[in-house]
Amino acid sequence: MAIVPDPRKLLLLDPEYRPSFLSDKFFPMFAGVLGFSAVVASRYASRRPLFSGIQHHILSTSIAGVLATIAQQKYQSHNAEKDAIYRHYIELHPEDFPIPERKKIGEIFPKFTPVR
């Protein structure tokens, strides 16, 4: 059965939501692999041994992972702030967000008569 969408509850967190295991680890790991691959590609392009200067590999991997973590945190805080602003506006102006009346499919579409 469909739930009537209450605009005041749309932007609230789902109490049953559980983040996945990799939700906070994927982007830092991906950025780390990308940083490592960038150093390997630059070594390959300059015709040097791929793993020479291992400190460059370690440094670029860790910097990329930290930057990805910071970017992900900023993104999540920005979205949380935006949702809070929307929630506050909806609470201040409930007349702009009426609860829609429930309609059945038969009320929405006109009666179908086949043409033969």
PDB file of N, CA and C in Angstrom:
ATOM      1  N   MET A   1       0.834  -1.163   0.000  1.00  0.00           N
ATOM      2  CA  MET A   1       0.000   0.000   0.000  1.00  0.00           C
ATOM      3  C   MET A   1       0.889   1.240   0.000  1.00  0.00           C
ATOM      4  N   ALA A   2       0.519   2.210  -0.748  1.00  0.00           N
ATOM      5  CA  ALA A   2       1.307   3.429  -0.863  1.00  0.00           C
ATOM      6  C   ALA A   2       1.127   4.304   0.372  1.00  0.00           C
ATOM      7  N   ILE A   3       2.188   5.012   0.718  1.00  0.00           N
ATOM      8  CA  ILE A   3       2.155   5.921   1.851  1.00  0.00           C
ATOM      9  C   ILE A   3       1.952   7.326   1.324  1.00  0.00           C
ATOM     10  N   VAL A   4       1.082   8.084   1.965  1.00  0.00           N
ATOM     11  CA  VAL A   4       0.855   9.467   1.561  1.00  0.00           C
ATOM     12  C   VAL A   4       2.085  10.274   1.947  1.00  0.00           C
ATOM     13  N   PRO A   5       2.730  10.944   0.977  1.00  0.00           N
ATOM     14  CA  PRO A   5       3.959  11.658   1.309  1.00  0.00           C
ATOM     15  C   PRO A   5       3.677  12.944   2.077  1.00  0.00           C
ATOM     16  N   ASP A   6       4.100  12.976   3.308  1.00  0.00           N
ATOM     17  CA  ASP A   6       3.989  14.180   4.116  1.00  0.00           C
ATOM     18  C   ASP A   6       5.242  15.012   3.878  1.00  0.00           C
ATOM     19  N   PRO A   7       5.130  16.233   3.378  1.00  0.00           N
ATOM     20  CA  PRO A   7       6.321  17.010   3.037  1.00  0.00           C
ATOM     21  C   PRO A   7       7.220  17.287   4.233  1.00  0.00           C
ATOM     22  N   ARG A   8       6.664  17.274   5.444  1.00  0.00           N
ATOM     23  CA  ARG A   8       7.493  17.524   6.619  1.00  0.00           C
ATOM     24  C   ARG A   8       8.375  16.338   6.954  1.00  0.00           C
ATOM     25  N   LYS A   9       8.041  15.150   6.444  1.00  0.00           N
ATOM     26  CA  LYS A   9       8.805  13.950   6.766  1.00  0.00           C
ATOM     27  C   LYS A   9       9.706  13.496   5.626  1.00  0.00           C
ATOM     28  N   LEU A  10       9.624  14.142   4.472  1.00  0.00           N
ATOM     29  CA  LEU A  10      10.394  13.680   3.324  1.00  0.00           C
ATOM     30  C   LEU A  10      11.898  13.813   3.507  1.00  0.00           C
ATOM     31  N   LEU A  11      12.353  14.862   4.174  1.00  0.00           N
ATOM     32  CA  LEU A  11      13.784  15.112   4.296  1.00  0.00           C
ATOM     33  C   LEU A  11      14.378  14.606   5.603  1.00  0.00           C
ATOM     34  N   LEU A  12      13.613  13.877   6.390  1.00  0.00           N
ATOM     35  CA  LEU A  12      14.141  13.303   7.626  1.00  0.00           C
ATOM     36  C   LEU A  12      14.898  12.022   7.316  1.00  0.00           C
ATOM     37  N   LEU A  13      15.856  11.705   8.182  1.00  0.00           N
ATOM     38  CA  LEU A  13      16.618  10.479   7.987  1.00  0.00           C
ATOM     39  C   LEU A  13      15.744   9.267   8.270  1.00  0.00           C
ATOM     40  N   ASP A  14      15.957   8.220   7.498  1.00  0.00           N
ATOM     41  CA  ASP A  14      15.235   6.972   7.698  1.00  0.00           C
ATOM     42  C   ASP A  14      15.803   6.284   8.939  1.00  0.00           C
ATOM     43  N   PRO A  15      14.981   5.953   9.930  1.00  0.00           N
ATOM     44  CA  PRO A  15      15.526   5.330  11.139  1.00  0.00           C
ATOM     45  C   PRO A  15      16.078   3.926  10.897  1.00  0.00           C
ATOM     46  N   GLU A  16      15.669   3.285   9.811  1.00  0.00           N
ATOM     47  CA  GLU A  16      16.150   1.940   9.514  1.00  0.00           C
ATOM     48  C   GLU A  16      17.367   1.931   8.589  1.00  0.00           C
ATOM     49  N   TYR A  17      17.861   3.108   8.203  1.00  0.00           N
ATOM     50  CA  TYR A  17      18.979   3.188   7.263  1.00  0.00           C
ATOM     51  C   TYR A  17      20.268   2.765   7.948  1.00  0.00           C
ATOM     52  N   ARG A  18      21.004   1.890   7.278  1.00  0.00           N
ATOM     53  CA  ARG A  18      22.324   1.486   7.739  1.00  0.00           C
ATOM     54  C   ARG A  18      23.286   1.661   6.563  1.00  0.00           C
ATOM     55  N   PRO A  19      24.325   2.461   6.738  1.00  0.00           N
ATOM     56  CA  PRO A  19      25.265   2.628   5.625  1.00  0.00           C
ATOM     57  C   PRO A  19      26.000   1.321   5.342  1.00  0.00           C
ATOM     58  N   SER A  20      26.328   1.114   4.097  1.00  0.00           N
ATOM     59  CA  SER A  20      27.025  -0.110   3.730  1.00  0.00           C
ATOM     60  C   SER A  20      28.462  -0.068   4.246  1.00  0.00           C
ATOM     61  N   PHE A  21      29.110  -1.196   4.199  1.00  0.00           N
ATOM     62  CA  PHE A  21      30.474  -1.311   4.719  1.00  0.00           C
ATOM     63  C   PHE A  21      31.434  -0.403   3.967  1.00  0.00           C
ATOM     64  N   LEU A  22      31.287  -0.295   2.657  1.00  0.00           N
ATOM     65  CA  LEU A  22      32.224   0.477   1.848  1.00  0.00           C
ATOM     66  C   LEU A  22      31.792   1.913   1.591  1.00  0.00           C
ATOM     67  N   SER A  23      30.688   2.360   2.191  1.00  0.00           N
ATOM     68  CA  SER A  23      30.185   3.689   1.858  1.00  0.00           C
ATOM     69  C   SER A  23      31.168   4.801   2.211  1.00  0.00           C
ATOM     70  N   ASP A  24      31.921   4.647   3.288  1.00  0.00           N
ATOM     71  CA  ASP A  24      32.880   5.687   3.646  1.00  0.00           C
ATOM     72  C   ASP A  24      34.314   5.335   3.262  1.00  0.00           C
ATOM     73  N   LYS A  25      34.522   4.167   2.676  1.00  0.00           N
ATOM     74  CA  LYS A  25      35.867   3.735   2.321  1.00  0.00           C
ATOM     75  C   LYS A  25      36.132   3.702   0.820  1.00  0.00           C
ATOM     76  N   PHE A  26      35.066   3.704   0.017  1.00  0.00           N
ATOM     77  CA  PHE A  26      35.251   3.508  -1.420  1.00  0.00           C
ATOM     78  C   PHE A  26      36.008   4.659  -2.072  1.00  0.00           C
ATOM     79  N   PHE A  27      35.565   5.904  -1.854  1.00  0.00           N
ATOM     80  CA  PHE A  27      36.190   7.037  -2.529  1.00  0.00           C
ATOM     81  C   PHE A  27      37.633   7.272  -2.096  1.00  0.00           C
ATOM     82  N   PRO A  28      37.976   7.166  -0.802  1.00  0.00           N
ATOM     83  CA  PRO A  28      39.397   7.283  -0.461  1.00  0.00           C
ATOM     84  C   PRO A  28      40.258   6.173  -1.068  1.00  0.00           C
ATOM     85  N   MET A  29      39.727   4.948  -1.102  1.00  0.00           N
ATOM     86  CA  MET A  29      40.506   3.859  -1.714  1.00  0.00           C
ATOM     87  C   MET A  29      40.652   4.083  -3.210  1.00  0.00           C
ATOM     88  N   PHE A  30      39.572   4.511  -3.851  1.00  0.00           N
ATOM     89  CA  PHE A  30      39.627   4.767  -5.290  1.00  0.00           C
ATOM     90  C   PHE A  30      40.612   5.887  -5.610  1.00  0.00           C
ATOM     91  N   ALA A  31      40.579   6.955  -4.804  1.00  0.00           N
ATOM     92  CA  ALA A  31      41.503   8.070  -5.025  1.00  0.00           C
ATOM     93  C   ALA A  31      42.939   7.634  -4.764  1.00  0.00           C
ATOM     94  N   GLY A  32      43.152   6.787  -3.772  1.00  0.00           N
ATOM     95  CA  GLY A  32      44.496   6.280  -3.513  1.00  0.00           C
ATOM     96  C   GLY A  32      45.027   5.463  -4.673  1.00  0.00           C
ATOM     97  N   VAL A  33      44.189   4.596  -5.216  1.00  0.00           N
ATOM     98  CA  VAL A  33      44.598   3.807  -6.387  1.00  0.00           C
ATOM     99  C   VAL A  33      44.861   4.725  -7.577  1.00  0.00           C
ATOM    100  N   LEU A  34      44.046   5.742  -7.718  1.00  0.00           N
ATOM    101  CA  LEU A  34      44.240   6.703  -8.809  1.00  0.00           C
ATOM    102  C   LEU A  34      45.547   7.474  -8.638  1.00  0.00           C
ATOM    103  N   GLY A  35      45.876   7.886  -7.415  1.00  0.00           N
ATOM    104  CA  GLY A  35      47.132   8.584  -7.157  1.00  0.00           C
ATOM    105  C   GLY A  35      48.327   7.690  -7.426  1.00  0.00           C
ATOM    106  N   PHE A  36      48.235   6.437  -6.992  1.00  0.00           N
ATOM    107  CA  PHE A  36      49.307   5.477  -7.252  1.00  0.00           C
ATOM    108  C   PHE A  36      49.476   5.256  -8.748  1.00  0.00           C
ATOM    109  N   SER A  37      48.355   5.099  -9.450  1.00  0.00           N
ATOM    110  CA  SER A  37      48.409   4.866 -10.896  1.00  0.00           C
ATOM    111  C   SER A  37      48.960   6.077 -11.639  1.00  0.00           C
ATOM    112  N   ALA A  38      48.703   7.276 -11.137  1.00  0.00           N
ATOM    113  CA  ALA A  38      49.234   8.478 -11.787  1.00  0.00           C
ATOM    114  C   ALA A  38      50.747   8.513 -11.711  1.00  0.00           C
ATOM    115  N   VAL A  39      51.297   8.110 -10.564  1.00  0.00           N
ATOM    116  CA  VAL A  39      52.761   8.078 -10.443  1.00  0.00           C
ATOM    117  C   VAL A  39      53.338   6.999 -11.352  1.00  0.00           C
ATOM    118  N   VAL A  40      52.702   5.840 -11.388  1.00  0.00           N
ATOM    119  CA  VAL A  40      53.187   4.761 -12.268  1.00  0.00           C
ATOM    120  C   VAL A  40      53.115   5.200 -13.727  1.00  0.00           C
ATOM    121  N   ALA A  41      52.034   5.888 -14.115  1.00  0.00           N
ATOM    122  CA  ALA A  41      51.903   6.348 -15.499  1.00  0.00           C
ATOM    123  C   ALA A  41      52.951   7.403 -15.827  1.00  0.00           C
ATOM    124  N   SER A  42      53.243   8.280 -14.888  1.00  0.00           N
ATOM    125  CA  SER A  42      54.279   9.288 -15.160  1.00  0.00           C
ATOM    126  C   SER A  42      55.652   8.638 -15.266  1.00  0.00           C
ATOM    127  N   ARG A  43      55.901   7.601 -14.476  1.00  0.00           N
ATOM    128  CA  ARG A  43      57.189   6.861 -14.587  1.00  0.00           C
ATOM    129  C   ARG A  43      57.269   6.144 -15.935  1.00  0.00           C
ATOM    130  N   TYR A  44      56.157   5.582 -16.357  1.00  0.00           N
ATOM    131  CA  TYR A  44      56.142   4.883 -17.635  1.00  0.00           C
ATOM    132  C   TYR A  44      56.354   5.865 -18.789  1.00  0.00           C
ATOM    133  N   ALA A  45      55.733   7.032 -18.698  1.00  0.00           N
ATOM    134  CA  ALA A  45      55.857   8.024 -19.772  1.00  0.00           C
ATOM    135  C   ALA A  45      57.269   8.585 -19.858  1.00  0.00           C
ATOM    136  N   SER A  46      57.953   8.672 -18.728  1.00  0.00           N
ATOM    137  CA  SER A  46      59.311   9.208 -18.757  1.00  0.00           C
ATOM    138  C   SER A  46      60.367   8.107 -18.874  1.00  0.00           C
ATOM    139  N   ARG A  47      59.934   6.880 -19.120  1.00  0.00           N
ATOM    140  CA  ARG A  47      60.800   5.724 -19.343  1.00  0.00           C
ATOM    141  C   ARG A  47      61.755   5.472 -18.175  1.00  0.00           C
ATOM    142  N   ARG A  48      61.213   5.587 -16.977  1.00  0.00           N
ATOM    143  CA  ARG A  48      61.972   5.233 -15.788  1.00  0.00           C
ATOM    144  C   ARG A  48      61.388   3.933 -15.244  1.00  0.00           C
ATOM    145  N   PRO A  49      62.092   3.278 -14.351  1.00  0.00           N
ATOM    146  CA  PRO A  49      61.505   2.088 -13.727  1.00  0.00           C
ATOM    147  C   PRO A  49      60.202   2.466 -12.996  1.00  0.00           C
ATOM    148  N   LEU A  50      59.200   1.627 -13.142  1.00  0.00           N
ATOM    149  CA  LEU A  50      57.866   1.979 -12.657  1.00  0.00           C
ATOM    150  C   LEU A  50      57.801   2.195 -11.152  1.00  0.00           C
ATOM    151  N   PHE A  51      58.572   1.423 -10.408  1.00  0.00           N
ATOM    152  CA  PHE A  51      58.487   1.521  -8.952  1.00  0.00           C
ATOM    153  C   PHE A  51      59.713   2.172  -8.339  1.00  0.00           C
ATOM    154  N   SER A  52      60.458   2.926  -9.128  1.00  0.00           N
ATOM    155  CA  SER A  52      61.579   3.678  -8.551  1.00  0.00           C
ATOM    156  C   SER A  52      61.034   4.904  -7.827  1.00  0.00           C
ATOM    157  N   GLY A  53      61.706   5.302  -6.786  1.00  0.00           N
ATOM    158  CA  GLY A  53      61.223   6.435  -5.993  1.00  0.00           C
ATOM    159  C   GLY A  53      59.912   6.086  -5.320  1.00  0.00           C
ATOM    160  N   ILE A  54      59.912   5.002  -4.543  1.00  0.00           N
ATOM    161  CA  ILE A  54      58.675   4.500  -3.942  1.00  0.00           C
ATOM    162  C   ILE A  54      58.030   5.526  -3.015  1.00  0.00           C
ATOM    163  N   GLN A  55      58.824   6.482  -2.514  1.00  0.00           N
ATOM    164  CA  GLN A  55      58.249   7.505  -1.643  1.00  0.00           C
ATOM    165  C   GLN A  55      57.218   8.347  -2.395  1.00  0.00           C
ATOM    166  N   HIS A  56      57.397   8.535  -3.694  1.00  0.00           N
ATOM    167  CA  HIS A  56      56.423   9.278  -4.498  1.00  0.00           C
ATOM    168  C   HIS A  56      55.091   8.511  -4.564  1.00  0.00           C
ATOM    169  N   HIS A  57      55.193   7.198  -4.694  1.00  0.00           N
ATOM    170  CA  HIS A  57      53.989   6.371  -4.739  1.00  0.00           C
ATOM    171  C   HIS A  57      53.234   6.459  -3.413  1.00  0.00           C
ATOM    172  N   ILE A  58      53.958   6.307  -2.327  1.00  0.00           N
ATOM    173  CA  ILE A  58      53.333   6.336  -1.002  1.00  0.00           C
ATOM    174  C   ILE A  58      52.728   7.708  -0.726  1.00  0.00           C
ATOM    175  N   LEU A  59      53.468   8.756  -1.049  1.00  0.00           N
ATOM    176  CA  LEU A  59      53.003  10.115  -0.789  1.00  0.00           C
ATOM    177  C   LEU A  59      51.756  10.453  -1.615  1.00  0.00           C
ATOM    178  N   SER A  60      51.774  10.132  -2.897  1.00  0.00           N
ATOM    179  CA  SER A  60      50.614  10.468  -3.734  1.00  0.00           C
ATOM    180  C   SER A  60      49.395   9.636  -3.352  1.00  0.00           C
ATOM    181  N   THR A  61      49.605   8.377  -2.961  1.00  0.00           N
ATOM    182  CA  THR A  61      48.492   7.544  -2.524  1.00  0.00           C
ATOM    183  C   THR A  61      47.858   8.103  -1.264  1.00  0.00           C
ATOM    184  N   SER A  62      48.684   8.460  -0.295  1.00  0.00           N
ATOM    185  CA  SER A  62      48.132   8.957   0.971  1.00  0.00           C
ATOM    186  C   SER A  62      47.500  10.336   0.805  1.00  0.00           C
ATOM    187  N   ILE A  63      48.106  11.221   0.027  1.00  0.00           N
ATOM    188  CA  ILE A  63      47.533  12.549  -0.188  1.00  0.00           C
ATOM    189  C   ILE A  63      46.190  12.448  -0.911  1.00  0.00           C
ATOM    190  N   ALA A  64      46.121  11.596  -1.926  1.00  0.00           N
ATOM    191  CA  ALA A  64      44.862  11.435  -2.662  1.00  0.00           C
ATOM    192  C   ALA A  64      43.777  10.856  -1.758  1.00  0.00           C
ATOM    193  N   GLY A  65      44.132   9.907  -0.903  1.00  0.00           N
ATOM    194  CA  GLY A  65      43.151   9.333   0.017  1.00  0.00           C
ATOM    195  C   GLY A  65      42.639  10.352   1.020  1.00  0.00           C
ATOM    196  N   VAL A  66      43.548  11.179   1.561  1.00  0.00           N
ATOM    197  CA  VAL A  66      43.137  12.209   2.522  1.00  0.00           C
ATOM    198  C   VAL A  66      42.265  13.259   1.845  1.00  0.00           C
ATOM    199  N   LEU A  67      42.648  13.686   0.648  1.00  0.00           N
ATOM    200  CA  LEU A  67      41.846  14.675  -0.071  1.00  0.00           C
ATOM    201  C   LEU A  67      40.462  14.135  -0.408  1.00  0.00           C
ATOM    202  N   ALA A  68      40.384  12.858  -0.768  1.00  0.00           N
ATOM    203  CA  ALA A  68      39.079  12.262  -1.059  1.00  0.00           C
ATOM    204  C   ALA A  68      38.220  12.174   0.196  1.00  0.00           C
ATOM    205  N   THR A  69      38.831  11.864   1.335  1.00  0.00           N
ATOM    206  CA  THR A  69      38.084  11.821   2.592  1.00  0.00           C
ATOM    207  C   THR A  69      37.550  13.199   2.948  1.00  0.00           C
ATOM    208  N   ILE A  70      38.384  14.227   2.812  1.00  0.00           N
ATOM    209  CA  ILE A  70      37.950  15.595   3.110  1.00  0.00           C
ATOM    210  C   ILE A  70      36.832  16.020   2.163  1.00  0.00           C
ATOM    211  N   ALA A  71      36.982  15.709   0.882  1.00  0.00           N
ATOM    212  CA  ALA A  71      35.948  16.070  -0.093  1.00  0.00           C
ATOM    213  C   ALA A  71      34.637  15.360   0.205  1.00  0.00           C
ATOM    214  N   GLN A  72      34.695  14.102   0.589  1.00  0.00           N
ATOM    215  CA  GLN A  72      33.482  13.357   0.908  1.00  0.00           C
ATOM    216  C   GLN A  72      32.794  13.934   2.142  1.00  0.00           C
ATOM    217  N   GLN A  73      33.571  14.309   3.163  1.00  0.00           N
ATOM    218  CA  GLN A  73      32.989  14.906   4.359  1.00  0.00           C
ATOM    219  C   GLN A  73      32.351  16.258   4.045  1.00  0.00           C
ATOM    220  N   LYS A  74      33.000  17.067   3.223  1.00  0.00           N
ATOM    221  CA  LYS A  74      32.429  18.366   2.836  1.00  0.00           C
ATOM    222  C   LYS A  74      31.134  18.165   2.053  1.00  0.00           C
ATOM    223  N   TYR A  75      31.119  17.188   1.158  1.00  0.00           N
ATOM    224  CA  TYR A  75      29.932  16.894   0.366  1.00  0.00           C
ATOM    225  C   TYR A  75      28.767  16.482   1.266  1.00  0.00           C
ATOM    226  N   GLN A  76      29.035  15.604   2.237  1.00  0.00           N
ATOM    227  CA  GLN A  76      27.981  15.152   3.135  1.00  0.00           C
ATOM    228  C   GLN A  76      27.489  16.280   4.038  1.00  0.00           C
ATOM    229  N   SER A  77      28.399  17.121   4.522  1.00  0.00           N
ATOM    230  CA  SER A  77      27.964  18.228   5.379  1.00  0.00           C
ATOM    231  C   SER A  77      27.183  19.266   4.579  1.00  0.00           C
ATOM    232  N   HIS A  78      27.579  19.485   3.319  1.00  0.00           N
ATOM    233  CA  HIS A  78      26.838  20.406   2.460  1.00  0.00           C
ATOM    234  C   HIS A  78      25.420  19.906   2.230  1.00  0.00           C
ATOM    235  N   ASN A  79      25.272  18.622   1.943  1.00  0.00           N
ATOM    236  CA  ASN A  79      23.938  18.057   1.719  1.00  0.00           C
ATOM    237  C   ASN A  79      23.102  18.071   2.998  1.00  0.00           C
ATOM    238  N   ALA A  80      23.730  17.829   4.149  1.00  0.00           N
ATOM    239  CA  ALA A  80      22.995  17.873   5.413  1.00  0.00           C
ATOM    240  C   ALA A  80      22.499  19.286   5.699  1.00  0.00           C
ATOM    241  N   GLU A  81      23.341  20.280   5.425  1.00  0.00           N
ATOM    242  CA  GLU A  81      22.941  21.671   5.643  1.00  0.00           C
ATOM    243  C   GLU A  81      21.817  22.073   4.693  1.00  0.00           C
ATOM    244  N   LYS A  82      21.915  21.635   3.451  1.00  0.00           N
ATOM    245  CA  LYS A  82      20.879  21.939   2.465  1.00  0.00           C
ATOM    246  C   LYS A  82      19.545  21.309   2.865  1.00  0.00           C
ATOM    247  N   ASP A  83      19.572  20.062   3.325  1.00  0.00           N
ATOM    248  CA  ASP A  83      18.346  19.409   3.779  1.00  0.00           C
ATOM    249  C   ASP A  83      17.765  20.112   4.998  1.00  0.00           C
ATOM    250  N   ALA A  84      18.629  20.589   5.901  1.00  0.00           N
ATOM    251  CA  ALA A  84      18.143  21.309   7.078  1.00  0.00           C
ATOM    252  C   ALA A  84      17.463  22.615   6.672  1.00  0.00           C
ATOM    253  N   ILE A  85      18.018  23.298   5.690  1.00  0.00           N
ATOM    254  CA  ILE A  85      17.406  24.539   5.205  1.00  0.00           C
ATOM    255  C   ILE A  85      16.040  24.246   4.585  1.00  0.00           C
ATOM    256  N   TYR A  86      15.953  23.188   3.782  1.00  0.00           N
ATOM    257  CA  TYR A  86      14.676  22.818   3.169  1.00  0.00           C
ATOM    258  C   TYR A  86      13.645  22.442   4.233  1.00  0.00           C
ATOM    259  N   ARG A  87      14.063  21.646   5.233  1.00  0.00           N
ATOM    260  CA  ARG A  87      13.157  21.251   6.312  1.00  0.00           C
ATOM    261  C   ARG A  87      12.632  22.471   7.061  1.00  0.00           C
ATOM    262  N   HIS A  88      13.534  23.401   7.347  1.00  0.00           N
ATOM    263  CA  HIS A  88      13.147  24.611   8.066  1.00  0.00           C
ATOM    264  C   HIS A  88      12.147  25.428   7.245  1.00  0.00           C
ATOM    265  N   TYR A  89      12.379  25.541   5.951  1.00  0.00           N
ATOM    266  CA  TYR A  89      11.462  26.294   5.091  1.00  0.00           C
ATOM    267  C   TYR A  89      10.091  25.620   5.045  1.00  0.00           C
ATOM    268  N   ILE A  90      10.071  24.309   4.970  1.00  0.00           N
ATOM    269  CA  ILE A  90       8.800  23.580   4.932  1.00  0.00           C
ATOM    270  C   ILE A  90       8.054  23.754   6.247  1.00  0.00           C
ATOM    271  N   GLU A  91       8.787  23.778   7.370  1.00  0.00           N
ATOM    272  CA  GLU A  91       8.135  23.983   8.664  1.00  0.00           C
ATOM    273  C   GLU A  91       7.579  25.397   8.792  1.00  0.00           C
ATOM    274  N   LEU A  92       8.259  26.390   8.218  1.00  0.00           N
ATOM    275  CA  LEU A  92       7.797  27.769   8.312  1.00  0.00           C
ATOM    276  C   LEU A  92       6.638  28.074   7.367  1.00  0.00           C
ATOM    277  N   HIS A  93       6.570  27.354   6.248  1.00  0.00           N
ATOM    278  CA  HIS A  93       5.544  27.620   5.235  1.00  0.00           C
ATOM    279  C   HIS A  93       4.769  26.354   4.896  1.00  0.00           C
ATOM    280  N   PRO A  94       3.997  25.808   5.825  1.00  0.00           N
ATOM    281  CA  PRO A  94       3.260  24.572   5.526  1.00  0.00           C
ATOM    282  C   PRO A  94       2.153  24.769   4.501  1.00  0.00           C
ATOM    283  N   GLU A  95       1.686  26.014   4.334  1.00  0.00           N
ATOM    284  CA  GLU A  95       0.611  26.253   3.358  1.00  0.00           C
ATOM    285  C   GLU A  95       1.103  26.069   1.922  1.00  0.00           C
ATOM    286  N   ASP A  96       2.401  26.193   1.702  1.00  0.00           N
ATOM    287  CA  ASP A  96       2.952  25.980   0.359  1.00  0.00           C
ATOM    288  C   ASP A  96       3.135  24.504   0.026  1.00  0.00           C
ATOM    289  N   PHE A  97       3.048  23.642   1.028  1.00  0.00           N
ATOM    290  CA  PHE A  97       3.285  22.212   0.837  1.00  0.00           C
ATOM    291  C   PHE A  97       2.124  21.402   1.397  1.00  0.00           C
ATOM    292  N   PRO A  98       0.965  21.457   0.738  1.00  0.00           N
ATOM    293  CA  PRO A  98      -0.166  20.683   1.257  1.00  0.00           C
ATOM    294  C   PRO A  98       0.057  19.188   1.013  1.00  0.00           C
ATOM    295  N   ILE A  99      -0.561  18.393   1.848  1.00  0.00           N
ATOM    296  CA  ILE A  99      -0.468  16.944   1.675  1.00  0.00           C
ATOM    297  C   ILE A  99      -1.361  16.577   0.497  1.00  0.00           C
ATOM    298  N   PRO A 100      -0.806  15.932  -0.537  1.00  0.00           N
ATOM    299  CA  PRO A 100      -1.628  15.625  -1.714  1.00  0.00           C
ATOM    300  C   PRO A 100      -2.683  14.574  -1.383  1.00  0.00           C
ATOM    301  N   GLU A 101      -3.837  14.724  -2.008  1.00  0.00           N
ATOM    302  CA  GLU A 101      -4.904  13.754  -1.776  1.00  0.00           C
ATOM    303  C   GLU A 101      -4.608  12.490  -2.571  1.00  0.00           C
ATOM    304  N   ARG A 102      -5.006  11.392  -1.997  1.00  0.00           N
ATOM    305  CA  ARG A 102      -4.729  10.107  -2.615  1.00  0.00           C
ATOM    306  C   ARG A 102      -5.730   9.846  -3.730  1.00  0.00           C
ATOM    307  N   LYS A 103      -5.213   9.444  -4.893  1.00  0.00           N
ATOM    308  CA  LYS A 103      -6.067   9.135  -6.036  1.00  0.00           C
ATOM    309  C   LYS A 103      -5.775   7.719  -6.497  1.00  0.00           C
ATOM    310  N   LYS A 104      -6.792   7.085  -6.990  1.00  0.00           N
ATOM    311  CA  LYS A 104      -6.612   5.760  -7.559  1.00  0.00           C
ATOM    312  C   LYS A 104      -6.316   5.896  -9.044  1.00  0.00           C
ATOM    313  N   ILE A 105      -5.770   4.864  -9.613  1.00  0.00           N
ATOM    314  CA  ILE A 105      -5.404   4.889 -11.026  1.00  0.00           C
ATOM    315  C   ILE A 105      -6.626   5.135 -11.898  1.00  0.00           C
ATOM    316  N   GLY A 106      -7.755   4.571 -11.519  1.00  0.00           N
ATOM    317  CA  GLY A 106      -8.985   4.756 -12.297  1.00  0.00           C
ATOM    318  C   GLY A 106      -9.452   6.200 -12.322  1.00  0.00           C
ATOM    319  N   GLU A 107      -9.115   6.968 -11.303  1.00  0.00           N
ATOM    320  CA  GLU A 107      -9.497   8.376 -11.278  1.00  0.00           C
ATOM    321  C   GLU A 107      -8.567   9.234 -12.119  1.00  0.00           C
ATOM    322  N   ILE A 108      -7.350   8.784 -12.322  1.00  0.00           N
ATOM    323  CA  ILE A 108      -6.361   9.573 -13.067  1.00  0.00           C
ATOM    324  C   ILE A 108      -6.550   9.414 -14.570  1.00  0.00           C
ATOM    325  N   PHE A 109      -6.689   8.159 -15.029  1.00  0.00           N
ATOM    326  CA  PHE A 109      -6.800   7.908 -16.464  1.00  0.00           C
ATOM    327  C   PHE A 109      -8.262   7.867 -16.909  1.00  0.00           C
ATOM    328  N   PRO A 110      -8.543   8.336 -18.116  1.00  0.00           N
ATOM    329  CA  PRO A 110      -9.919   8.227 -18.608  1.00  0.00           C
ATOM    330  C   PRO A 110     -10.262   6.771 -18.927  1.00  0.00           C
ATOM    331  N   LYS A 111     -11.548   6.503 -18.999  1.00  0.00           N
ATOM    332  CA  LYS A 111     -11.975   5.146 -19.281  1.00  0.00           C
ATOM    333  C   LYS A 111     -11.539   4.761 -20.693  1.00  0.00           C
ATOM    334  N   PHE A 112     -11.005   3.559 -20.820  1.00  0.00           N
ATOM    335  CA  PHE A 112     -10.473   3.082 -22.097  1.00  0.00           C
ATOM    336  C   PHE A 112     -11.539   2.285 -22.832  1.00  0.00           C
ATOM    337  N   THR A 113     -11.811   2.693 -24.059  1.00  0.00           N
ATOM    338  CA  THR A 113     -12.705   1.936 -24.916  1.00  0.00           C
ATOM    339  C   THR A 113     -11.940   1.605 -26.187  1.00  0.00           C
ATOM    340  N   PRO A 114     -11.750   0.338 -26.460  1.00  0.00           N
ATOM    341  CA  PRO A 114     -10.986  -0.029 -27.648  1.00  0.00           C
ATOM    342  C   PRO A 114     -11.755   0.282 -28.937  1.00  0.00           C
ATOM    343  N   VAL A 115     -11.036   0.706 -29.939  1.00  0.00           N
ATOM    344  CA  VAL A 115     -11.625   0.984 -31.244  1.00  0.00           C
ATOM    345  C   VAL A 115     -11.295  -0.182 -32.155  1.00  0.00           C
ATOM    346  N   ARG A 116     -12.353  -0.826 -32.675  1.00  0.00           N
ATOM    347  CA  ARG A 116     -12.104  -1.996 -33.532  1.00  0.00           C
ATOM    348  C   ARG A 116     -12.654  -1.779 -34.901  1.00  0.00           C
TER     349      ARG A 116
END
